């Protein structure tokens, strides 16, 4: 990874708040502990999954503002893995080529470039959120979703239950997407196994009613995710880290829960995953989420303690002091920000001032007059 940061900005300094101390995963060192959570933009205007100027500006702005890691939104490993027709994809070399200038720009401003590989499963073929999020039929650019079982998410299209050969093809699609991500210059890969999308659909008994080797027992329900991780790890350079985003609970009785998450995280650590991205929910509209600032931090802390591996946390973290508190309490190792960075791309620069270390922030030469 190239960087415009000076040596003093990237060298460990124990007098700095943890939020602004560098953090290493395998051969990658992040300049700070602030990461841009992958956030769908639904901005592929040609409906072909190719990155657009919107993605360059959106992601580049967060790199310019000093985030340590910028993770590109959920990028479909296959066309039918998109949530909407406007989703970003990485199922062809053309998709990788379109991402190269974005990766290069992030590197020029000292940010590590990450990408989230995803498949929406039964939550595919929908409108964009501001268009109503309703299911799309074939006449309106929709398609038949796929899922562990032929069980629809409420109000969505009926999915096709995957045959074992189709599962194997999706595993290979994750591996091929990984090779393209490396070709595009990405430093960090995250597999999306949360929020009710395909990998999570296999985990949760709410959506997985299979009776073969991919359903029933815990071991069977996590088999697909472990196969994808193995394929990604084999296709990804040894010096580059892998993350998996997990829904730590479905927030529904009888669904996936934190005990399951800890069991899976232990297996993921053994499979070569370097960090867990702790989130929750998405399997059922019946979920009852206990929202509060940093509400995923207790889940992250449990994984970090019981699995002894790094954890990133996301969820209603909006204040620099709160982010620092989570790190100081050893609840998590990285802070992922989503909506807060949509509202305020300059959060890292402002956080440095709020934590009384203004010189810890990255400022491009063009913005120094505003420092």
Protein backbone atom coordinates (compact mmCIF):
# COMPACT_ATOMS: atom_id res chain seq x y z
CA UNK A 1 0.00 0.00 0.00
CA UNK A 2 1.32 3.43 -0.91
CA UNK A 3 0.75 6.30 1.46
CA UNK A 4 1.24 10.03 1.67
CA UNK A 5 1.52 9.91 5.46
CA UNK A 6 4.82 10.87 7.08
CA UNK A 7 6.76 8.44 9.26
CA UNK A 8 5.76 10.35 12.40
CA UNK A 9 2.09 9.87 11.52
CA UNK A 10 2.31 6.12 11.07
CA UNK A 11 4.77 5.17 13.82
CA UNK A 12 3.20 3.88 17.07
CA UNK A 13 2.94 6.56 19.74
CA UNK A 14 1.67 5.35 23.11
CA UNK A 15 0.78 8.90 24.13
CA UNK A 16 -1.90 9.04 21.44
CA UNK A 17 -5.48 7.99 22.09
CA UNK A 18 -6.05 4.44 20.86
CA UNK A 19 -8.35 5.78 18.15
CA UNK A 20 -5.32 7.35 16.47
CA UNK A 21 -2.77 4.64 17.07
CA UNK A 22 -1.80 2.48 14.09
CA UNK A 23 -3.21 -1.02 13.96
CA UNK A 24 -1.68 -4.05 12.23
CA UNK A 25 -3.44 -7.06 10.71
CA UNK A 26 -1.06 -9.49 8.99
CA UNK A 27 1.06 -7.37 6.63
CA UNK A 28 -1.31 -4.39 6.65
CA UNK A 29 -0.89 -1.48 9.05
CA UNK A 30 -3.74 1.01 9.33
CA UNK A 31 -2.85 4.58 10.20
CA UNK A 32 -5.61 4.70 12.85
CA UNK A 33 -8.54 2.67 14.23
CA UNK A 34 -11.28 4.49 12.28
CA UNK A 35 -12.82 2.50 9.44
CA UNK A 36 -15.56 3.33 6.96
CA UNK A 37 -18.23 0.66 7.23
CA UNK A 38 -19.36 -0.76 3.87
CA UNK A 39 -22.55 1.09 2.93
CA UNK A 40 -24.61 0.32 -0.17
CA UNK A 41 -24.94 3.33 -2.47
CA UNK A 42 -27.25 1.86 -5.14
CA UNK A 43 -25.44 4.09 -7.64
CA UNK A 44 -24.64 1.86 -10.61
CA UNK A 45 -26.75 3.83 -13.05
CA UNK A 46 -26.27 1.48 -16.01
CA UNK A 47 -27.50 -1.45 -13.90
CA UNK A 48 -24.36 -3.36 -14.81
CA UNK A 49 -22.66 -3.30 -11.41
CA UNK A 50 -19.77 -1.09 -12.55
CA UNK A 51 -18.35 1.57 -10.24
CA UNK A 52 -19.22 5.15 -11.18
CA UNK A 53 -17.85 8.64 -10.39
CA UNK A 54 -20.21 8.59 -7.40
CA UNK A 55 -18.17 5.79 -5.84
CA UNK A 56 -14.90 7.62 -6.43
CA UNK A 57 -16.18 10.80 -4.78
CA UNK A 58 -18.00 9.05 -1.94
CA UNK A 59 -15.13 6.75 -0.98
CA UNK A 60 -12.37 9.19 -1.84
CA UNK A 61 -13.85 11.85 0.44
CA UNK A 62 -13.55 9.52 3.43
CA UNK A 63 -9.92 8.73 2.59
CA UNK A 64 -9.12 12.44 2.23
CA UNK A 65 -10.69 13.05 5.65
CA UNK A 66 -8.30 10.57 7.25
CA UNK A 67 -10.05 7.25 7.83
CA UNK A 68 -7.56 4.44 8.32
CA UNK A 69 -9.57 1.89 6.35
CA UNK A 70 -12.24 2.53 3.74
CA UNK A 71 -14.37 -0.51 2.91
CA UNK A 72 -16.23 -0.50 -0.39
CA UNK A 73 -19.90 -1.41 -0.13
CA UNK A 74 -21.32 -4.92 -0.49
CA UNK A 75 -20.13 -5.99 -3.94
CA UNK A 76 -22.02 -8.87 -5.50
CA UNK A 77 -19.99 -11.92 -6.49
CA UNK A 78 -22.70 -12.85 -9.02
CA UNK A 79 -25.42 -10.85 -10.81
CA UNK A 80 -28.20 -12.59 -8.88
CA UNK A 81 -26.38 -11.70 -5.65
CA UNK A 82 -27.27 -8.01 -5.94
CA UNK A 83 -29.83 -6.52 -3.58
CA UNK A 84 -31.04 -4.09 -6.26
CA UNK A 85 -30.24 -3.71 -9.98
CA UNK A 86 -28.12 -0.68 -9.06
CA UNK A 87 -25.76 -2.56 -6.72
CA UNK A 88 -22.01 -2.67 -7.19
CA UNK A 89 -20.57 -5.94 -8.48
CA UNK A 90 -17.28 -7.73 -8.80
CA UNK A 91 -18.32 -10.73 -10.90
CA UNK A 92 -16.16 -9.83 -13.92
CA UNK A 93 -12.75 -8.36 -14.73
CA UNK A 94 -14.49 -5.21 -15.97
CA UNK A 95 -15.77 -4.63 -12.44
CA UNK A 96 -12.27 -4.90 -11.03
CA UNK A 97 -10.91 -2.53 -13.66
CA UNK A 98 -13.55 0.08 -12.77
CA UNK A 99 -12.47 -0.07 -9.11
CA UNK A 100 -8.75 0.45 -9.78
CA UNK A 101 -8.85 4.29 -9.90
CA UNK A 102 -10.82 4.35 -6.65
CA UNK A 103 -8.34 2.08 -4.89
CA UNK A 104 -5.44 4.14 -6.24
CA UNK A 105 -6.99 7.38 -4.97
CA UNK A 106 -7.55 5.95 -1.49
CA UNK A 107 -3.94 4.78 -1.39
CA UNK A 108 -2.68 8.19 -2.50
CA UNK A 109 -4.26 9.62 0.64
CA UNK A 110 -2.98 7.03 3.08
CA UNK A 111 -6.11 4.92 3.54
CA UNK A 112 -6.15 1.16 3.27
CA UNK A 113 -8.67 -0.04 0.69
CA UNK A 114 -11.11 -2.78 1.65
CA UNK A 115 -14.02 -4.40 -0.16
CA UNK A 116 -16.97 -6.39 1.15
CA UNK A 117 -17.81 -9.45 -0.94
CA UNK A 118 -21.48 -10.29 -0.78
CA UNK A 119 -24.43 -12.27 -2.03
CA UNK A 120 -27.93 -11.11 -1.11
CA UNK A 121 -29.59 -14.52 -1.43
CA UNK A 122 -33.33 -14.30 -0.79
CA UNK A 123 -33.12 -10.55 -0.07
CA UNK A 124 -32.27 -9.84 -3.73
CA UNK A 125 -34.30 -8.32 -6.58
CA UNK A 126 -35.71 -5.31 -4.72
CA UNK A 127 -36.11 -1.61 -5.34
CA UNK A 128 -33.69 0.88 -3.88
CA UNK A 129 -34.68 2.07 -0.36
CA UNK A 130 -35.90 5.47 -1.54
CA UNK A 131 -38.04 3.73 -4.17
CA UNK A 132 -39.92 1.67 -1.62
CA UNK A 133 -37.69 -1.41 -1.17
CA UNK A 134 -40.43 -3.56 -2.72
CA UNK A 135 -39.75 -6.71 -4.68
CA UNK A 136 -39.01 -6.32 -8.40
CA UNK A 137 -40.63 -8.62 -10.92
CA UNK A 138 -39.03 -9.68 -14.21
CA UNK A 139 -40.79 -6.88 -16.09
CA UNK A 140 -39.00 -4.31 -13.91
CA UNK A 141 -35.43 -5.64 -14.13
CA UNK A 142 -35.95 -8.20 -11.38
CA UNK A 143 -34.84 -11.82 -11.18
CA UNK A 144 -35.48 -14.97 -9.16
CA UNK A 145 -33.46 -14.90 -5.91
CA UNK A 146 -31.68 -17.93 -4.48
CA UNK A 147 -31.61 -19.12 -0.89
CA UNK A 148 -30.77 -22.07 1.36
CA UNK A 149 -34.45 -23.04 1.28
CA UNK A 150 -37.40 -22.01 -0.89
CA UNK A 151 -38.58 -19.72 1.90
CA UNK A 152 -39.18 -16.04 1.10
CA UNK A 153 -38.28 -13.12 3.31
CA UNK A 154 -41.67 -11.48 4.01
CA UNK A 155 -42.83 -9.20 1.14
CA UNK A 156 -39.88 -10.29 -1.03
CA UNK A 157 -39.87 -12.63 -4.05
CA UNK A 158 -40.05 -16.39 -3.64
CA UNK A 159 -36.50 -17.74 -3.89
CA UNK A 160 -35.11 -20.83 -5.54
CA UNK A 161 -33.62 -23.29 -3.05
CA UNK A 162 -29.99 -23.90 -3.96
CA UNK A 163 -28.83 -27.33 -5.09
CA UNK A 164 -25.42 -28.52 -3.79
CA UNK A 165 -23.82 -27.91 -7.21
CA UNK A 166 -25.13 -24.33 -7.14
CA UNK A 167 -23.67 -23.82 -3.68
CA UNK A 168 -20.30 -24.96 -5.00
CA UNK A 169 -20.57 -22.48 -7.87
CA UNK A 170 -21.17 -19.63 -5.41
CA UNK A 171 -18.13 -20.69 -3.39
CA UNK A 172 -16.07 -20.41 -6.58
CA UNK A 173 -17.68 -17.03 -7.30
CA UNK A 174 -16.37 -15.76 -3.95
CA UNK A 175 -12.90 -17.08 -4.83
CA UNK A 176 -12.98 -15.46 -8.28
CA UNK A 177 -14.13 -12.16 -6.76
CA UNK A 178 -11.21 -12.38 -4.33
CA UNK A 179 -8.73 -12.76 -7.17
CA UNK A 180 -10.25 -9.72 -8.87
CA UNK A 181 -10.05 -7.71 -5.66
CA UNK A 182 -6.34 -8.49 -5.44
CA UNK A 183 -5.91 -7.50 -9.09
CA UNK A 184 -7.62 -4.17 -8.33
CA UNK A 185 -5.16 -3.50 -5.50
CA UNK A 186 -7.35 -3.96 -2.44
CA UNK A 187 -5.61 -4.51 0.90
CA UNK A 188 -8.47 -6.02 2.90
CA UNK A 189 -11.43 -8.29 2.17
CA UNK A 190 -14.59 -8.73 4.18
CA UNK A 191 -17.14 -11.49 3.61
CA UNK A 192 -20.70 -10.38 4.32
CA UNK A 193 -22.27 -13.03 6.55
CA UNK A 194 -24.74 -10.74 8.31
CA UNK A 195 -27.98 -8.79 7.93
CA UNK A 196 -30.01 -11.66 6.53
CA UNK A 197 -27.99 -12.06 3.33
CA UNK A 198 -27.01 -15.41 1.85
CA UNK A 199 -24.26 -16.61 4.20
CA UNK A 200 -26.29 -15.50 7.21
CA UNK A 201 -29.36 -17.20 5.71
CA UNK A 202 -27.49 -20.49 5.94
CA UNK A 203 -26.50 -19.78 9.57
CA UNK A 204 -29.97 -18.99 10.87
CA UNK A 205 -32.60 -21.67 11.50
CA UNK A 206 -35.15 -18.96 10.67
CA UNK A 207 -34.15 -19.18 7.00
CA UNK A 208 -32.35 -22.53 6.66
CA UNK A 209 -34.69 -25.51 6.62
CA UNK A 210 -32.43 -27.84 4.63
CA UNK A 211 -32.09 -31.50 5.52
CA UNK A 212 -28.80 -32.19 3.70
CA UNK A 213 -25.22 -31.42 4.69
CA UNK A 214 -25.93 -27.68 4.67
CA UNK A 215 -28.85 -27.71 7.10
CA UNK A 216 -30.03 -28.92 10.47
CA UNK A 217 -27.09 -28.96 12.87
CA UNK A 218 -24.91 -25.96 13.68
CA UNK A 219 -21.99 -27.62 11.90
CA UNK A 220 -24.03 -28.07 8.73
CA UNK A 221 -25.50 -24.57 8.77
CA UNK A 222 -22.06 -22.92 8.95
CA UNK A 223 -20.52 -25.25 6.35
CA UNK A 224 -21.17 -22.91 3.41
CA UNK A 225 -19.54 -19.94 5.13
CA UNK A 226 -16.50 -22.00 6.05
CA UNK A 227 -16.21 -23.23 2.45
CA UNK A 228 -16.34 -19.64 1.20
CA UNK A 229 -13.72 -18.55 3.73
CA UNK A 230 -11.42 -21.41 2.73
CA UNK A 231 -11.77 -20.50 -0.94
CA UNK A 232 -11.16 -16.81 -0.26
CA UNK A 233 -8.16 -17.47 1.96
CA UNK A 234 -6.62 -19.71 -0.73
CA UNK A 235 -7.14 -17.02 -3.39
CA UNK A 236 -5.97 -14.09 -1.26
CA UNK A 237 -2.28 -13.34 -0.56
CA UNK A 238 -1.08 -14.58 2.82
CA UNK A 239 0.02 -11.09 3.87
CA UNK A 240 -3.45 -9.59 3.38
CA UNK A 241 -6.14 -9.81 6.09
CA UNK A 242 -9.67 -11.18 5.87
CA UNK A 243 -12.68 -10.05 7.88
CA UNK A 244 -16.11 -11.63 8.24
CA UNK A 245 -19.11 -9.52 9.17
CA UNK A 246 -21.44 -11.51 11.42
CA UNK A 247 -24.90 -10.84 12.76
CA UNK A 248 -24.21 -11.75 16.38
CA UNK A 249 -27.91 -12.33 17.01
CA UNK A 250 -31.14 -12.44 15.01
CA UNK A 251 -32.95 -10.70 17.90
CA UNK A 252 -35.67 -13.37 17.49
CA UNK A 253 -36.29 -16.32 19.83
CA UNK A 254 -35.16 -19.55 18.20
CA UNK A 255 -32.84 -17.75 15.80
CA UNK A 256 -29.08 -17.35 15.60
CA UNK A 257 -27.57 -15.92 18.80
CA UNK A 258 -24.31 -14.81 20.40
CA UNK A 259 -23.49 -18.34 21.57
CA UNK A 260 -23.64 -19.50 17.94
CA UNK A 261 -21.53 -16.52 16.92
CA UNK A 262 -18.77 -17.38 19.38
CA UNK A 263 -18.73 -20.99 18.13
CA UNK A 264 -18.49 -19.85 14.53
CA UNK A 265 -15.84 -17.23 15.30
CA UNK A 266 -13.62 -19.95 16.78
CA UNK A 267 -13.90 -21.89 13.51
CA UNK A 268 -13.27 -18.76 11.45
CA UNK A 269 -10.12 -17.98 13.40
CA UNK A 270 -8.83 -21.48 12.68
CA UNK A 271 -9.70 -21.00 8.99
CA UNK A 272 -7.49 -17.92 8.65
CA UNK A 273 -9.91 -15.06 9.34
CA UNK A 274 -8.11 -12.17 11.01
CA UNK A 275 -10.92 -10.04 12.43
CA UNK A 276 -14.66 -10.33 13.08
CA UNK A 277 -16.91 -7.40 12.22
CA UNK A 278 -19.66 -7.50 14.87
CA UNK A 279 -23.15 -6.48 13.78
CA UNK A 280 -26.63 -7.99 14.21
CA UNK A 281 -30.10 -8.61 12.83
CA UNK A 282 -31.57 -8.84 9.37
CA UNK A 283 -33.00 -12.37 9.34
CA UNK A 284 -36.57 -11.51 10.24
CA UNK A 285 -38.89 -8.49 10.37
CA UNK A 286 -39.93 -9.83 13.79
CA UNK A 287 -36.58 -8.79 15.26
CA UNK A 288 -36.70 -6.70 18.43
CA UNK A 289 -33.45 -4.76 18.51
CA UNK A 290 -32.34 -3.07 21.72
CA UNK A 291 -30.94 0.09 20.15
CA UNK A 292 -28.52 2.32 22.05
CA UNK A 293 -25.19 3.99 21.26
CA UNK A 294 -22.62 1.26 20.65
CA UNK A 295 -25.21 -1.48 21.13
CA UNK A 296 -23.01 -4.07 19.41
CA UNK A 297 -20.04 -3.43 21.70
CA UNK A 298 -21.03 -6.11 24.27
CA UNK A 299 -21.17 -8.68 21.45
CA UNK A 300 -17.77 -7.57 20.20
CA UNK A 301 -16.34 -7.76 23.71
CA UNK A 302 -17.65 -11.30 24.14
CA UNK A 303 -16.07 -12.47 20.88
CA UNK A 304 -12.79 -10.72 21.64
CA UNK A 305 -12.61 -12.33 25.09
CA UNK A 306 -13.85 -15.84 24.33
CA UNK A 307 -12.28 -16.30 20.90
CA UNK A 308 -9.10 -14.30 21.48
CA UNK A 309 -9.17 -12.59 18.11
CA UNK A 310 -9.49 -8.99 16.93
CA UNK A 311 -12.96 -7.51 16.54
CA UNK A 312 -14.36 -4.47 14.78
CA UNK A 313 -17.59 -2.93 16.00
CA UNK A 314 -20.29 -0.89 14.30
CA UNK A 315 -23.59 0.59 15.45
CA UNK A 316 -24.67 4.07 16.58
CA UNK A 317 -21.15 5.22 17.45
CA UNK A 318 -21.19 8.96 16.79
CA UNK A 319 -18.86 10.61 19.30
CA UNK A 320 -15.03 10.46 19.33
CA UNK A 321 -15.00 10.07 23.10
CA UNK A 322 -17.34 7.08 22.90
CA UNK A 323 -15.22 5.45 20.21
CA UNK A 324 -12.13 5.89 22.35
CA UNK A 325 -13.95 4.51 25.39
CA UNK A 326 -14.84 1.31 23.50
CA UNK A 327 -11.19 0.84 22.53
CA UNK A 328 -9.87 1.64 26.01
CA UNK A 329 -12.32 -0.86 27.53
CA UNK A 330 -10.92 -3.51 25.17
CA UNK A 331 -14.39 -4.15 23.79
CA UNK A 332 -13.11 -3.87 20.22
CA UNK A 333 -9.97 -3.17 18.19
CA UNK A 334 -11.42 -1.13 15.32
CA UNK A 335 -14.31 1.32 15.14
CA UNK A 336 -16.48 1.11 12.03
CA UNK A 337 -18.61 4.15 11.29
CA UNK A 338 -21.52 4.16 8.86
CA UNK A 339 -24.23 6.80 8.95
CA UNK A 340 -22.05 9.13 11.01
CA UNK A 341 -19.55 9.28 8.14
CA UNK A 342 -22.38 9.96 5.69
CA UNK A 343 -23.41 12.94 7.80
CA UNK A 344 -19.87 14.00 8.54
CA UNK A 345 -17.05 12.72 6.29
CA UNK A 346 -14.56 14.82 8.28
CA UNK A 347 -15.18 12.86 11.49
CA UNK A 348 -11.54 11.63 11.75
CA UNK A 349 -10.16 15.17 11.50
CA UNK A 350 -12.70 16.51 13.98
CA UNK A 351 -12.13 13.57 16.31
CA UNK A 352 -8.42 14.36 16.50
CA UNK A 353 -9.26 17.86 17.71
CA UNK A 354 -11.92 16.59 20.14
CA UNK A 355 -9.37 14.18 21.67
CA UNK A 356 -6.74 16.94 21.92
CA UNK A 357 -4.39 15.45 19.32
CA UNK A 358 -5.06 17.66 16.27
CA UNK A 359 -1.73 16.75 14.66
CA UNK A 360 -2.75 13.06 14.58
CA UNK A 361 -5.23 13.70 11.78
CA UNK A 362 -4.39 13.39 8.11
CA UNK A 363 -4.83 16.56 6.06
CA UNK A 364 -4.11 16.65 2.33
CA UNK A 365 -2.02 19.60 1.21
CA UNK A 366 -5.03 21.10 -0.54
CA UNK A 367 -6.92 21.33 2.80
CA UNK A 368 -4.13 22.47 5.13
CA UNK A 369 -5.41 26.05 5.13
CA UNK A 370 -8.54 24.78 6.92
CA UNK A 371 -6.62 22.94 9.64
